[in-house]
Amino acid sequence: MNIKRHITRGLGLLICLATLASPAIAQETKTQSQGLFTNVNVFDGVNEKRAEGMSVLVEGNKIAKIAKSVPVPAGATVVDGKGRTLMPGLIEAHGHIMLASDLSAIMNQDEFEQGVHAARRA
């Protein structure tokens, strides 16, 4: 495959990703979902010790409050951490979203189609 074809496919994938992401970003700003993690130990990556027995309130995609006790907002999803450790800001750094489909479908798609389907799954 020549370099021009790689560049063209790459640009096409970027355009698809931007198109797919735009409605999601607009929707997220309209509706700020809230989640409350209770009974968690928080490791922030700055302090050597974990803060134990904490609650973490997340609004949209931001951490709004970390405290021993946080009142449950109306409509919030509550997750009991059962004493496990929560590491805010740590994201999954390695994934195979290209392979999260039926293998026979992947074998019959070119790289552009695989990229579009992977972007939708992401």
PDB file of N, CA and C in Angstrom:
ATOM      1  N   MET A   1       0.861  -1.175   0.000  1.00  0.00           N
ATOM      2  CA  MET A   1       0.000   0.000   0.000  1.00  0.00           C
ATOM      3  C   MET A   1       0.907   1.237   0.000  1.00  0.00           C
ATOM      4  N   ASN A   2       0.589   2.206  -0.840  1.00  0.00           N
ATOM      5  CA  ASN A   2       1.474   3.367  -0.922  1.00  0.00           C
ATOM      6  C   ASN A   2       1.133   4.419   0.125  1.00  0.00           C
ATOM      7  N   ILE A   3       2.048   5.365   0.295  1.00  0.00           N
ATOM      8  CA  ILE A   3       1.921   6.386   1.347  1.00  0.00           C
ATOM      9  C   ILE A   3       0.704   7.284   1.142  1.00  0.00           C
ATOM     10  N   LYS A   4       0.384   7.600  -0.109  1.00  0.00           N
ATOM     11  CA  LYS A   4      -0.765   8.468  -0.389  1.00  0.00           C
ATOM     12  C   LYS A   4      -2.067   7.817   0.103  1.00  0.00           C
ATOM     13  N   ARG A   5      -2.183   6.514  -0.097  1.00  0.00           N
ATOM     14  CA  ARG A   5      -3.385   5.803   0.345  1.00  0.00           C
ATOM     15  C   ARG A   5      -3.472   5.797   1.871  1.00  0.00           C
ATOM     16  N   HIS A   6      -2.337   5.613   2.561  1.00  0.00           N
ATOM     17  CA  HIS A   6      -2.321   5.652   4.031  1.00  0.00           C
ATOM     18  C   HIS A   6      -2.766   7.021   4.538  1.00  0.00           C
ATOM     19  N   ILE A   7      -2.241   8.072   3.930  1.00  0.00           N
ATOM     20  CA  ILE A   7      -2.587   9.437   4.351  1.00  0.00           C
ATOM     21  C   ILE A   7      -4.066   9.700   4.124  1.00  0.00           C
ATOM     22  N   THR A   8      -4.579   9.305   2.962  1.00  0.00           N
ATOM     23  CA  THR A   8      -5.992   9.522   2.649  1.00  0.00           C
ATOM     24  C   THR A   8      -6.893   8.791   3.648  1.00  0.00           C
ATOM     25  N   ARG A   9      -6.546   7.555   3.955  1.00  0.00           N
ATOM     26  CA  ARG A   9      -7.347   6.795   4.933  1.00  0.00           C
ATOM     27  C   ARG A   9      -7.259   7.413   6.324  1.00  0.00           C
ATOM     28  N   GLY A  10      -6.072   7.860   6.688  1.00  0.00           N
ATOM     29  CA  GLY A  10      -5.899   8.494   7.994  1.00  0.00           C
ATOM     30  C   GLY A  10      -6.730   9.754   8.129  1.00  0.00           C
ATOM     31  N   LEU A  11      -6.724  10.589   7.080  1.00  0.00           N
ATOM     32  CA  LEU A  11      -7.528  11.820   7.105  1.00  0.00           C
ATOM     33  C   LEU A  11      -9.015  11.484   7.156  1.00  0.00           C
ATOM     34  N   GLY A  12      -9.414  10.467   6.418  1.00  0.00           N
ATOM     35  CA  GLY A  12     -10.815  10.048   6.452  1.00  0.00           C
ATOM     36  C   GLY A  12     -11.230   9.592   7.837  1.00  0.00           C
ATOM     37  N   LEU A  13     -10.355   8.858   8.501  1.00  0.00           N
ATOM     38  CA  LEU A  13     -10.641   8.388   9.857  1.00  0.00           C
ATOM     39  C   LEU A  13     -10.765   9.554  10.825  1.00  0.00           C
ATOM     40  N   LEU A  14      -9.874  10.542  10.701  1.00  0.00           N
ATOM     41  CA  LEU A  14      -9.952  11.720  11.572  1.00  0.00           C
ATOM     42  C   LEU A  14     -11.266  12.470  11.380  1.00  0.00           C
ATOM     43  N   ILE A  15     -11.690  12.603  10.143  1.00  0.00           N
ATOM     44  CA  ILE A  15     -12.958  13.288   9.866  1.00  0.00           C
ATOM     45  C   ILE A  15     -14.113  12.507  10.478  1.00  0.00           C
ATOM     46  N   CYS A  16     -14.090  11.173  10.335  1.00  0.00           N
ATOM     47  CA  CYS A  16     -15.150  10.338  10.925  1.00  0.00           C
ATOM     48  C   CYS A  16     -15.171  10.464  12.438  1.00  0.00           C
ATOM     49  N   LEU A  17     -13.997  10.427  13.049  1.00  0.00           N
ATOM     50  CA  LEU A  17     -13.927  10.549  14.502  1.00  0.00           C
ATOM     51  C   LEU A  17     -14.480  11.885  14.970  1.00  0.00           C
ATOM     52  N   ALA A  18     -14.118  12.956  14.270  1.00  0.00           N
ATOM     53  CA  ALA A  18     -14.616  14.284  14.650  1.00  0.00           C
ATOM     54  C   ALA A  18     -16.130  14.350  14.493  1.00  0.00           C
ATOM     55  N   THR A  19     -16.654  13.753  13.438  1.00  0.00           N
ATOM     56  CA  THR A  19     -18.096  13.756  13.207  1.00  0.00           C
ATOM     57  C   THR A  19     -18.827  12.953  14.267  1.00  0.00           C
ATOM     58  N   LEU A  20     -18.275  11.794  14.621  1.00  0.00           N
ATOM     59  CA  LEU A  20     -18.917  10.954  15.635  1.00  0.00           C
ATOM     60  C   LEU A  20     -18.843  11.580  17.019  1.00  0.00           C
ATOM     61  N   ALA A  21     -17.758  12.283  17.321  1.00  0.00           N
ATOM     62  CA  ALA A  21     -17.563  12.842  18.659  1.00  0.00           C
ATOM     63  C   ALA A  21     -18.407  14.093  18.887  1.00  0.00           C
ATOM     64  N   SER A  22     -18.676  14.872  17.856  1.00  0.00           N
ATOM     65  CA  SER A  22     -19.384  16.146  18.033  1.00  0.00           C
ATOM     66  C   SER A  22     -20.736  16.013  18.719  1.00  0.00           C
ATOM     67  N   PRO A  23     -21.630  15.111  18.288  1.00  0.00           N
ATOM     68  CA  PRO A  23     -22.914  14.985  18.984  1.00  0.00           C
ATOM     69  C   PRO A  23     -22.764  14.538  20.430  1.00  0.00           C
ATOM     70  N   ALA A  24     -21.804  13.658  20.696  1.00  0.00           N
ATOM     71  CA  ALA A  24     -21.599  13.180  22.071  1.00  0.00           C
ATOM     72  C   ALA A  24     -21.156  14.313  22.973  1.00  0.00           C
ATOM     73  N   ILE A  25     -20.264  15.165  22.486  1.00  0.00           N
ATOM     74  CA  ILE A  25     -19.791  16.298  23.278  1.00  0.00           C
ATOM     75  C   ILE A  25     -20.932  17.268  23.530  1.00  0.00           C
ATOM     76  N   ALA A  26     -21.725  17.529  22.515  1.00  0.00           N
ATOM     77  CA  ALA A  26     -22.859  18.446  22.678  1.00  0.00           C
ATOM     78  C   ALA A  26     -23.862  17.885  23.672  1.00  0.00           C
ATOM     79  N   GLN A  27     -24.141  16.584  23.601  1.00  0.00           N
ATOM     80  CA  GLN A  27     -25.089  15.953  24.517  1.00  0.00           C
ATOM     81  C   GLN A  27     -24.582  16.011  25.948  1.00  0.00           C
ATOM     82  N   GLU A  28     -23.264  15.788  26.133  1.00  0.00           N
ATOM     83  CA  GLU A  28     -22.707  15.774  27.484  1.00  0.00           C
ATOM     84  C   GLU A  28     -22.846  17.138  28.148  1.00  0.00           C
ATOM     85  N   THR A  29     -22.697  18.210  27.379  1.00  0.00           N
ATOM     86  CA  THR A  29     -22.808  19.530  27.979  1.00  0.00           C
ATOM     87  C   THR A  29     -24.263  19.847  28.331  1.00  0.00           C
ATOM     88  N   LYS A  30     -25.221  19.242  27.617  1.00  0.00           N
ATOM     89  CA  LYS A  30     -26.631  19.481  27.917  1.00  0.00           C
ATOM     90  C   LYS A  30     -27.050  18.778  29.212  1.00  0.00           C
ATOM     91  N   THR A  31     -26.616  17.523  29.380  1.00  0.00           N
ATOM     92  CA  THR A  31     -27.018  16.740  30.537  1.00  0.00           C
ATOM     93  C   THR A  31     -25.791  16.356  31.340  1.00  0.00           C
ATOM     94  N   GLN A  32     -25.654  16.947  32.511  1.00  0.00           N
ATOM     95  CA  GLN A  32     -24.539  16.616  33.384  1.00  0.00           C
ATOM     96  C   GLN A  32     -24.956  15.465  34.285  1.00  0.00           C
ATOM     97  N   SER A  33     -24.486  14.268  33.980  1.00  0.00           N
ATOM     98  CA  SER A  33     -24.803  13.138  34.832  1.00  0.00           C
ATOM     99  C   SER A  33     -23.960  13.223  36.099  1.00  0.00           C
ATOM    100  N   GLN A  34     -24.465  12.649  37.171  1.00  0.00           N
ATOM    101  CA  GLN A  34     -23.754  12.655  38.445  1.00  0.00           C
ATOM    102  C   GLN A  34     -23.602  11.231  38.946  1.00  0.00           C
ATOM    103  N   GLY A  35     -22.446  10.971  39.495  1.00  0.00           N
ATOM    104  CA  GLY A  35     -22.168   9.676  40.085  1.00  0.00           C
ATOM    105  C   GLY A  35     -21.482   9.880  41.421  1.00  0.00           C
ATOM    106  N   LEU A  36     -21.827   9.060  42.386  1.00  0.00           N
ATOM    107  CA  LEU A  36     -21.225   9.158  43.709  1.00  0.00           C
ATOM    108  C   LEU A  36     -20.625   7.806  44.078  1.00  0.00           C
ATOM    109  N   PHE A  37     -19.310   7.794  44.273  1.00  0.00           N
ATOM    110  CA  PHE A  37     -18.608   6.605  44.747  1.00  0.00           C
ATOM    111  C   PHE A  37     -18.495   6.735  46.257  1.00  0.00           C
ATOM    112  N   THR A  38     -19.012   5.763  46.990  1.00  0.00           N
ATOM    113  CA  THR A  38     -18.942   5.790  48.452  1.00  0.00           C
ATOM    114  C   THR A  38     -18.030   4.671  48.938  1.00  0.00           C
ATOM    115  N   ASN A  39     -17.558   4.822  50.195  1.00  0.00           N
ATOM    116  CA  ASN A  39     -16.762   3.782  50.828  1.00  0.00           C
ATOM    117  C   ASN A  39     -15.556   3.380  49.970  1.00  0.00           C
ATOM    118  N   VAL A  40     -14.781   4.391  49.519  1.00  0.00           N
ATOM    119  CA  VAL A  40     -13.584   4.114  48.720  1.00  0.00           C
ATOM    120  C   VAL A  40     -12.346   4.703  49.395  1.00  0.00           C
ATOM    121  N   ASN A  41     -11.219   4.109  49.103  1.00  0.00           N
ATOM    122  CA  ASN A  41      -9.939   4.668  49.499  1.00  0.00           C
ATOM    123  C   ASN A  41      -9.396   5.385  48.262  1.00  0.00           C
ATOM    124  N   VAL A  42      -8.985   6.618  48.424  1.00  0.00           N
ATOM    125  CA  VAL A  42      -8.569   7.420  47.270  1.00  0.00           C
ATOM    126  C   VAL A  42      -7.055   7.546  47.232  1.00  0.00           C
ATOM    127  N   PHE A  43      -6.472   7.123  46.123  1.00  0.00           N
ATOM    128  CA  PHE A  43      -5.053   7.332  45.867  1.00  0.00           C
ATOM    129  C   PHE A  43      -4.963   8.416  44.807  1.00  0.00           C
ATOM    130  N   ASP A  44      -4.359   9.558  45.157  1.00  0.00           N
ATOM    131  CA  ASP A  44      -4.332  10.684  44.223  1.00  0.00           C
ATOM    132  C   ASP A  44      -3.027  10.818  43.444  1.00  0.00           C
ATOM    133  N   GLY A  45      -2.041   9.965  43.722  1.00  0.00           N
ATOM    134  CA  GLY A  45      -0.789  10.033  42.997  1.00  0.00           C
ATOM    135  C   GLY A  45       0.156  11.104  43.488  1.00  0.00           C
ATOM    136  N   VAL A  46      -0.279  11.911  44.450  1.00  0.00           N
ATOM    137  CA  VAL A  46       0.544  12.987  45.002  1.00  0.00           C
ATOM    138  C   VAL A  46       0.995  12.618  46.411  1.00  0.00           C
ATOM    139  N   ASN A  47       0.068  12.193  47.228  1.00  0.00           N
ATOM    140  CA  ASN A  47       0.368  11.810  48.609  1.00  0.00           C
ATOM    141  C   ASN A  47       0.765  10.344  48.680  1.00  0.00           C
ATOM    142  N   GLU A  48       1.638  10.024  49.622  1.00  0.00           N
ATOM    143  CA  GLU A  48       2.073   8.643  49.774  1.00  0.00           C
ATOM    144  C   GLU A  48       0.972   7.749  50.337  1.00  0.00           C
ATOM    145  N   LYS A  49       0.136   8.310  51.203  1.00  0.00           N
ATOM    146  CA  LYS A  49      -0.928   7.518  51.826  1.00  0.00           C
ATOM    147  C   LYS A  49      -2.250   7.744  51.103  1.00  0.00           C
ATOM    148  N   ARG A  50      -3.073   6.690  51.133  1.00  0.00           N
ATOM    149  CA  ARG A  50      -4.416   6.814  50.594  1.00  0.00           C
ATOM    150  C   ARG A  50      -5.314   7.503  51.607  1.00  0.00           C
ATOM    151  N   ALA A  51      -6.293   8.238  51.102  1.00  0.00           N
ATOM    152  CA  ALA A  51      -7.340   8.778  51.977  1.00  0.00           C
ATOM    153  C   ALA A  51      -8.393   7.676  52.086  1.00  0.00           C
ATOM    154  N   GLU A  52      -8.626   7.179  53.297  1.00  0.00           N
ATOM    155  CA  GLU A  52      -9.500   6.019  53.471  1.00  0.00           C
ATOM    156  C   GLU A  52     -10.919   6.413  53.888  1.00  0.00           C
ATOM    157  N   GLY A  53     -11.880   5.590  53.438  1.00  0.00           N
ATOM    158  CA  GLY A  53     -13.280   5.802  53.801  1.00  0.00           C
ATOM    159  C   GLY A  53     -13.878   7.067  53.211  1.00  0.00           C
ATOM    160  N   MET A  54     -13.555   7.362  51.966  1.00  0.00           N
ATOM    161  CA  MET A  54     -13.997   8.609  51.338  1.00  0.00           C
ATOM    162  C   MET A  54     -15.182   8.382  50.394  1.00  0.00           C
ATOM    163  N   SER A  55     -15.796   9.501  50.024  1.00  0.00           N
ATOM    164  CA  SER A  55     -16.819   9.526  48.979  1.00  0.00           C
ATOM    165  C   SER A  55     -16.333  10.486  47.900  1.00  0.00           C
ATOM    166  N   VAL A  56     -16.597  10.133  46.647  1.00  0.00           N
ATOM    167  CA  VAL A  56     -16.165  10.956  45.518  1.00  0.00           C
ATOM    168  C   VAL A  56     -17.375  11.242  44.641  1.00  0.00           C
ATOM    169  N   LEU A  57     -17.682  12.530  44.470  1.00  0.00           N
ATOM    170  CA  LEU A  57     -18.787  12.955  43.617  1.00  0.00           C
ATOM    171  C   LEU A  57     -18.239  13.358  42.257  1.00  0.00           C
ATOM    172  N   VAL A  58     -18.790  12.756  41.207  1.00  0.00           N
ATOM    173  CA  VAL A  58     -18.386  13.067  39.836  1.00  0.00           C
ATOM    174  C   VAL A  58     -19.577  13.702  39.131  1.00  0.00           C
ATOM    175  N   GLU A  59     -19.351  14.863  38.528  1.00  0.00           N
ATOM    176  CA  GLU A  59     -20.397  15.560  37.755  1.00  0.00           C
ATOM    177  C   GLU A  59     -19.901  15.668  36.326  1.00  0.00           C
ATOM    178  N   GLY A  60     -20.649  15.029  35.416  1.00  0.00           N
ATOM    179  CA  GLY A  60     -20.194  14.992  34.026  1.00  0.00           C
ATOM    180  C   GLY A  60     -18.919  14.176  33.958  1.00  0.00           C
ATOM    181  N   ASN A  61     -17.827  14.819  33.544  1.00  0.00           N
ATOM    182  CA  ASN A  61     -16.552  14.107  33.494  1.00  0.00           C
ATOM    183  C   ASN A  61     -15.523  14.722  34.437  1.00  0.00           C
ATOM    184  N   LYS A  62     -16.001  15.420  35.465  1.00  0.00           N
ATOM    185  CA  LYS A  62     -15.103  16.073  36.418  1.00  0.00           C
ATOM    186  C   LYS A  62     -15.402  15.637  37.846  1.00  0.00           C
ATOM    187  N   ILE A  63     -14.346  15.542  38.637  1.00  0.00           N
ATOM    188  CA  ILE A  63     -14.509  15.244  40.055  1.00  0.00           C
ATOM    189  C   ILE A  63     -14.942  16.533  40.735  1.00  0.00           C
ATOM    190  N   ALA A  64     -16.130  16.528  41.332  1.00  0.00           N
ATOM    191  CA  ALA A  64     -16.680  17.740  41.942  1.00  0.00           C
ATOM    192  C   ALA A  64     -16.317  17.845  43.416  1.00  0.00           C
ATOM    193  N   LYS A  65     -16.243  16.696  44.122  1.00  0.00           N
ATOM    194  CA  LYS A  65     -15.982  16.762  45.557  1.00  0.00           C
ATOM    195  C   LYS A  65     -15.445  15.428  46.057  1.00  0.00           C
ATOM    196  N   ILE A  66     -14.467  15.516  46.951  1.00  0.00           N
ATOM    197  CA  ILE A  66     -13.942  14.350  47.649  1.00  0.00           C
ATOM    198  C   ILE A  66     -14.000  14.673  49.133  1.00  0.00           C
ATOM    199  N   ALA A  67     -14.743  13.866  49.890  1.00  0.00           N
ATOM    200  CA  ALA A  67     -14.901  14.117  51.326  1.00  0.00           C
ATOM    201  C   ALA A  67     -15.285  12.818  52.029  1.00  0.00           C
ATOM    202  N   LYS A  68     -15.223  12.847  53.361  1.00  0.00           N
ATOM    203  CA  LYS A  68     -15.639  11.674  54.145  1.00  0.00           C
ATOM    204  C   LYS A  68     -17.105  11.353  53.901  1.00  0.00           C
ATOM    205  N   SER A  69     -17.917  12.390  53.795  1.00  0.00           N
ATOM    206  CA  SER A  69     -19.349  12.207  53.583  1.00  0.00           C
ATOM    207  C   SER A  69     -19.839  13.236  52.572  1.00  0.00           C
ATOM    208  N   VAL A  70     -20.508  12.769  51.542  1.00  0.00           N
ATOM    209  CA  VAL A  70     -21.073  13.656  50.523  1.00  0.00           C
ATOM    210  C   VAL A  70     -22.549  13.314  50.397  1.00  0.00           C
ATOM    211  N   PRO A  71     -23.439  14.316  50.516  1.00  0.00           N
ATOM    212  CA  PRO A  71     -24.869  14.040  50.329  1.00  0.00           C
ATOM    213  C   PRO A  71     -25.146  13.534  48.914  1.00  0.00           C
ATOM    214  N   VAL A  72     -26.051  12.586  48.789  1.00  0.00           N
ATOM    215  CA  VAL A  72     -26.373  12.018  47.480  1.00  0.00           C
ATOM    216  C   VAL A  72     -27.259  12.985  46.707  1.00  0.00           C
ATOM    217  N   PRO A  73     -26.792  13.506  45.560  1.00  0.00           N
ATOM    218  CA  PRO A  73     -27.637  14.391  44.753  1.00  0.00           C
ATOM    219  C   PRO A  73     -28.808  13.617  44.150  1.00  0.00           C
ATOM    220  N   ALA A  74     -29.898  14.296  43.935  1.00  0.00           N
ATOM    221  CA  ALA A  74     -31.071  13.670  43.328  1.00  0.00           C
ATOM    222  C   ALA A  74     -30.709  13.148  41.939  1.00  0.00           C
ATOM    223  N   GLY A  75     -31.068  11.899  41.679  1.00  0.00           N
ATOM    224  CA  GLY A  75     -30.834  11.305  40.359  1.00  0.00           C
ATOM    225  C   GLY A  75     -29.421  10.788  40.125  1.00  0.00           C
ATOM    226  N   ALA A  76     -28.555  10.895  41.128  1.00  0.00           N
ATOM    227  CA  ALA A  76     -27.173  10.436  40.962  1.00  0.00           C
ATOM    228  C   ALA A  76     -27.095   8.918  41.031  1.00  0.00           C
ATOM    229  N   THR A  77     -26.170   8.359  40.297  1.00  0.00           N
ATOM    230  CA  THR A  77     -25.880   6.936  40.384  1.00  0.00           C
ATOM    231  C   THR A  77     -24.901   6.734  41.534  1.00  0.00           C
ATOM    232  N   VAL A  78     -25.226   5.832  42.451  1.00  0.00           N
ATOM    233  CA  VAL A  78     -24.378   5.593  43.613  1.00  0.00           C
ATOM    234  C   VAL A  78     -23.704   4.230  43.468  1.00  0.00           C
ATOM    235  N   VAL A  79     -22.384   4.230  43.650  1.00  0.00           N
ATOM    236  CA  VAL A  79     -21.603   2.993  43.573  1.00  0.00           C
ATOM    237  C   VAL A  79     -20.886   2.806  44.900  1.00  0.00           C
ATOM    238  N   ASP A  80     -21.150   1.678  45.564  1.00  0.00           N
ATOM    239  CA  ASP A  80     -20.455   1.365  46.808  1.00  0.00           C
ATOM    240  C   ASP A  80     -19.117   0.731  46.449  1.00  0.00           C
ATOM    241  N   GLY A  81     -18.023   1.409  46.801  1.00  0.00           N
ATOM    242  CA  GLY A  81     -16.699   0.912  46.485  1.00  0.00           C
ATOM    243  C   GLY A  81     -16.240  -0.240  47.347  1.00  0.00           C
ATOM    244  N   LYS A  82     -16.969  -0.549  48.408  1.00  0.00           N
ATOM    245  CA  LYS A  82     -16.681  -1.678  49.298  1.00  0.00           C
ATOM    246  C   LYS A  82     -15.232  -1.679  49.781  1.00  0.00           C
ATOM    247  N   GLY A  83     -14.707  -0.477  50.063  1.00  0.00           N
ATOM    248  CA  GLY A  83     -13.368  -0.371  50.612  1.00  0.00           C
ATOM    249  C   GLY A  83     -12.238  -0.518  49.608  1.00  0.00           C
ATOM    250  N   ARG A  84     -12.580  -0.571  48.330  1.00  0.00           N
ATOM    251  CA  ARG A  84     -11.549  -0.686  47.306  1.00  0.00           C
ATOM    252  C   ARG A  84     -10.905   0.680  47.057  1.00  0.00           C
ATOM    253  N   THR A  85      -9.801   0.665  46.324  1.00  0.00           N
ATOM    254  CA  THR A  85      -9.073   1.905  46.053  1.00  0.00           C
ATOM    255  C   THR A  85      -9.511   2.509  44.724  1.00  0.00           C
ATOM    256  N   LEU A  86      -9.772   3.805  44.751  1.00  0.00           N
ATOM    257  CA  LEU A  86     -10.164   4.571  43.566  1.00  0.00           C
ATOM    258  C   LEU A  86      -9.006   5.489  43.205  1.00  0.00           C
ATOM    259  N   MET A  87      -8.646   5.511  41.935  1.00  0.00           N
ATOM    260  CA  MET A  87      -7.553   6.364  41.473  1.00  0.00           C
ATOM    261  C   MET A  87      -8.098   7.339  40.438  1.00  0.00           C
ATOM    262  N   PRO A  88      -8.590   8.499  40.864  1.00  0.00           N
ATOM    263  CA  PRO A  88      -9.164   9.466  39.921  1.00  0.00           C
ATOM    264  C   PRO A  88      -8.142   9.889  38.871  1.00  0.00           C
ATOM    265  N   GLY A  89      -8.600   9.958  37.645  1.00  0.00           N
ATOM    266  CA  GLY A  89      -7.751  10.413  36.558  1.00  0.00           C
ATOM    267  C   GLY A  89      -7.013   9.305  35.846  1.00  0.00           C
ATOM    268  N   LEU A  90      -6.974   8.121  36.411  1.00  0.00           N
ATOM    269  CA  LEU A  90      -6.302   7.010  35.756  1.00  0.00           C
ATOM    270  C   LEU A  90      -7.250   6.437  34.717  1.00  0.00           C
ATOM    271  N   ILE A  91      -6.786   6.386  33.484  1.00  0.00           N
ATOM    272  CA  ILE A  91      -7.619   5.856  32.412  1.00  0.00           C
ATOM    273  C   ILE A  91      -7.011   4.584  31.854  1.00  0.00           C
ATOM    274  N   GLU A  92      -7.809   3.855  31.150  1.00  0.00           N
ATOM    275  CA  GLU A  92      -7.331   2.648  30.498  1.00  0.00           C
ATOM    276  C   GLU A  92      -6.384   3.084  29.395  1.00  0.00           C
ATOM    277  N   ALA A  93      -5.147   2.639  29.448  1.00  0.00           N
ATOM    278  CA  ALA A  93      -4.125   3.111  28.524  1.00  0.00           C
ATOM    279  C   ALA A  93      -3.829   2.129  27.398  1.00  0.00           C
ATOM    280  N   HIS A  94      -4.506   1.020  27.373  1.00  0.00           N
ATOM    281  CA  HIS A  94      -4.235   0.040  26.330  1.00  0.00           C
ATOM    282  C   HIS A  94      -5.492  -0.766  26.067  1.00  0.00           C
ATOM    283  N   GLY A  95      -5.943  -0.721  24.851  1.00  0.00           N
ATOM    284  CA  GLY A  95      -7.140  -1.468  24.509  1.00  0.00           C
ATOM    285  C   GLY A  95      -7.087  -1.934  23.067  1.00  0.00           C
ATOM    286  N   HIS A  96      -7.934  -2.883  22.741  1.00  0.00           N
ATOM    287  CA  HIS A  96      -7.986  -3.431  21.387  1.00  0.00           C
ATOM    288  C   HIS A  96      -9.400  -3.267  20.837  1.00  0.00           C
ATOM    289  N   ILE A  97      -9.836  -2.024  20.684  1.00  0.00           N
ATOM    290  CA  ILE A  97     -11.204  -1.800  20.211  1.00  0.00           C
ATOM    291  C   ILE A  97     -11.380  -2.230  18.760  1.00  0.00           C
ATOM    292  N   MET A  98     -10.283  -2.336  18.022  1.00  0.00           N
ATOM    293  CA  MET A  98     -10.392  -2.810  16.646  1.00  0.00           C
ATOM    294  C   MET A  98     -10.828  -4.277  16.629  1.00  0.00           C
ATOM    295  N   LEU A  99     -10.523  -5.013  17.702  1.00  0.00           N
ATOM    296  CA  LEU A  99     -10.815  -6.444  17.742  1.00  0.00           C
ATOM    297  C   LEU A  99     -12.062  -6.768  18.543  1.00  0.00           C
ATOM    298  N   ALA A 100     -12.852  -5.752  18.891  1.00  0.00           N
ATOM    299  CA  ALA A 100     -14.041  -5.975  19.711  1.00  0.00           C
ATOM    300  C   ALA A 100     -15.252  -6.313  18.855  1.00  0.00           C
ATOM    301  N   SER A 101     -15.006  -6.817  17.685  1.00  0.00           N
ATOM    302  CA  SER A 101     -16.082  -7.162  16.766  1.00  0.00           C
ATOM    303  C   SER A 101     -15.934  -8.627  16.358  1.00  0.00           C
ATOM    304  N   ASP A 102     -16.858  -9.084  15.577  1.00  0.00           N
ATOM    305  CA  ASP A 102     -16.806 -10.437  15.034  1.00  0.00           C
ATOM    306  C   ASP A 102     -15.590 -10.559  14.119  1.00  0.00           C
ATOM    307  N   LEU A 103     -14.751 -11.550  14.341  1.00  0.00           N
ATOM    308  CA  LEU A 103     -13.518 -11.707  13.581  1.00  0.00           C
ATOM    309  C   LEU A 103     -13.778 -11.848  12.088  1.00  0.00           C
ATOM    310  N   SER A 104     -14.836 -12.539  11.704  1.00  0.00           N
ATOM    311  CA  SER A 104     -15.129 -12.694  10.276  1.00  0.00           C
ATOM    312  C   SER A 104     -15.473 -11.352   9.636  1.00  0.00           C
ATOM    313  N   ALA A 105     -16.127 -10.461  10.408  1.00  0.00           N
ATOM    314  CA  ALA A 105     -16.438  -9.128   9.872  1.00  0.00           C
ATOM    315  C   ALA A 105     -15.162  -8.322   9.675  1.00  0.00           C
ATOM    316  N   ILE A 106     -14.242  -8.412  10.629  1.00  0.00           N
ATOM    317  CA  ILE A 106     -12.984  -7.680  10.532  1.00  0.00           C
ATOM    318  C   ILE A 106     -12.185  -8.127   9.318  1.00  0.00           C
ATOM    319  N   MET A 107     -12.177  -9.423   9.048  1.00  0.00           N
ATOM    320  CA  MET A 107     -11.396  -9.955   7.930  1.00  0.00           C
ATOM    321  C   MET A 107     -11.909  -9.474   6.583  1.00  0.00           C
ATOM    322  N   ASN A 108     -13.170  -9.057   6.518  1.00  0.00           N
ATOM    323  CA  ASN A 108     -13.753  -8.601   5.259  1.00  0.00           C
ATOM    324  C   ASN A 108     -13.840  -7.090   5.150  1.00  0.00           C
ATOM    325  N   GLN A 109     -13.147  -6.350   6.025  1.00  0.00           N
ATOM    326  CA  GLN A 109     -13.159  -4.891   6.000  1.00  0.00           C
ATOM    327  C   GLN A 109     -11.761  -4.375   5.727  1.00  0.00           C
ATOM    328  N   ASP A 110     -11.696  -3.220   5.047  1.00  0.00           N
ATOM    329  CA  ASP A 110     -10.384  -2.585   4.918  1.00  0.00           C
ATOM    330  C   ASP A 110     -10.121  -1.772   6.188  1.00  0.00           C
ATOM    331  N   GLU A 111      -8.937  -1.184   6.278  1.00  0.00           N
ATOM    332  CA  GLU A 111      -8.541  -0.476   7.492  1.00  0.00           C
ATOM    333  C   GLU A 111      -9.468   0.703   7.814  1.00  0.00           C
ATOM    334  N   PHE A 112      -9.963   1.369   6.795  1.00  0.00           N
ATOM    335  CA  PHE A 112     -10.850   2.517   7.010  1.00  0.00           C
ATOM    336  C   PHE A 112     -12.145   2.069   7.682  1.00  0.00           C
ATOM    337  N   GLU A 113     -12.758   1.003   7.153  1.00  0.00           N
ATOM    338  CA  GLU A 113     -13.994   0.487   7.750  1.00  0.00           C
ATOM    339  C   GLU A 113     -13.761   0.032   9.184  1.00  0.00           C
ATOM    340  N   GLN A 114     -12.635  -0.654   9.430  1.00  0.00           N
ATOM    341  CA  GLN A 114     -12.307  -1.096  10.776  1.00  0.00           C
ATOM    342  C   GLN A 114     -12.174   0.102  11.709  1.00  0.00           C
ATOM    343  N   GLY A 115     -11.553   1.175  11.230  1.00  0.00           N
ATOM    344  CA  GLY A 115     -11.381   2.389  12.041  1.00  0.00           C
ATOM    345  C   GLY A 115     -12.706   3.046  12.376  1.00  0.00           C
ATOM    346  N   VAL A 116     -13.611   3.105  11.405  1.00  0.00           N
ATOM    347  CA  VAL A 116     -14.928   3.706  11.648  1.00  0.00           C
ATOM    348  C   VAL A 116     -15.700   2.902  12.701  1.00  0.00           C
ATOM    349  N   HIS A 117     -15.698   1.580  12.566  1.00  0.00           N
ATOM    350  CA  HIS A 117     -16.411   0.744  13.534  1.00  0.00           C
ATOM    351  C   HIS A 117     -15.760   0.826  14.919  1.00  0.00           C
ATOM    352  N   ALA A 118     -14.430   0.896  14.974  1.00  0.00           N
ATOM    353  CA  ALA A 118     -13.748   1.024  16.259  1.00  0.00           C
ATOM    354  C   ALA A 118     -14.085   2.363  16.917  1.00  0.00           C
ATOM    355  N   ALA A 119     -14.165   3.426  16.128  1.00  0.00           N
ATOM    356  CA  ALA A 119     -14.518   4.747  16.665  1.00  0.00           C
ATOM    357  C   ALA A 119     -15.915   4.730  17.256  1.00  0.00           C
ATOM    358  N   ARG A 120     -16.840   4.043  16.603  1.00  0.00           N
ATOM    359  CA  ARG A 120     -18.203   3.950  17.140  1.00  0.00           C
ATOM    360  C   ARG A 120     -18.216   3.191  18.476  1.00  0.00           C
ATOM    361  N   ARG A 121     -17.424   2.114  18.546  1.00  0.00           N
ATOM    362  CA  ARG A 121     -17.371   1.340  19.790  1.00  0.00           C
ATOM    363  C   ARG A 121     -16.725   2.131  20.910  1.00  0.00           C
ATOM    364  N   ALA A 122     -15.757   2.963  20.558  1.00  0.00           N
ATOM    365  CA  ALA A 122     -15.054   3.752  21.600  1.00  0.00           C
ATOM    366  C   ALA A 122     -15.999   4.739  22.206  1.00  0.00           C
TER     367      ALA A 122
END
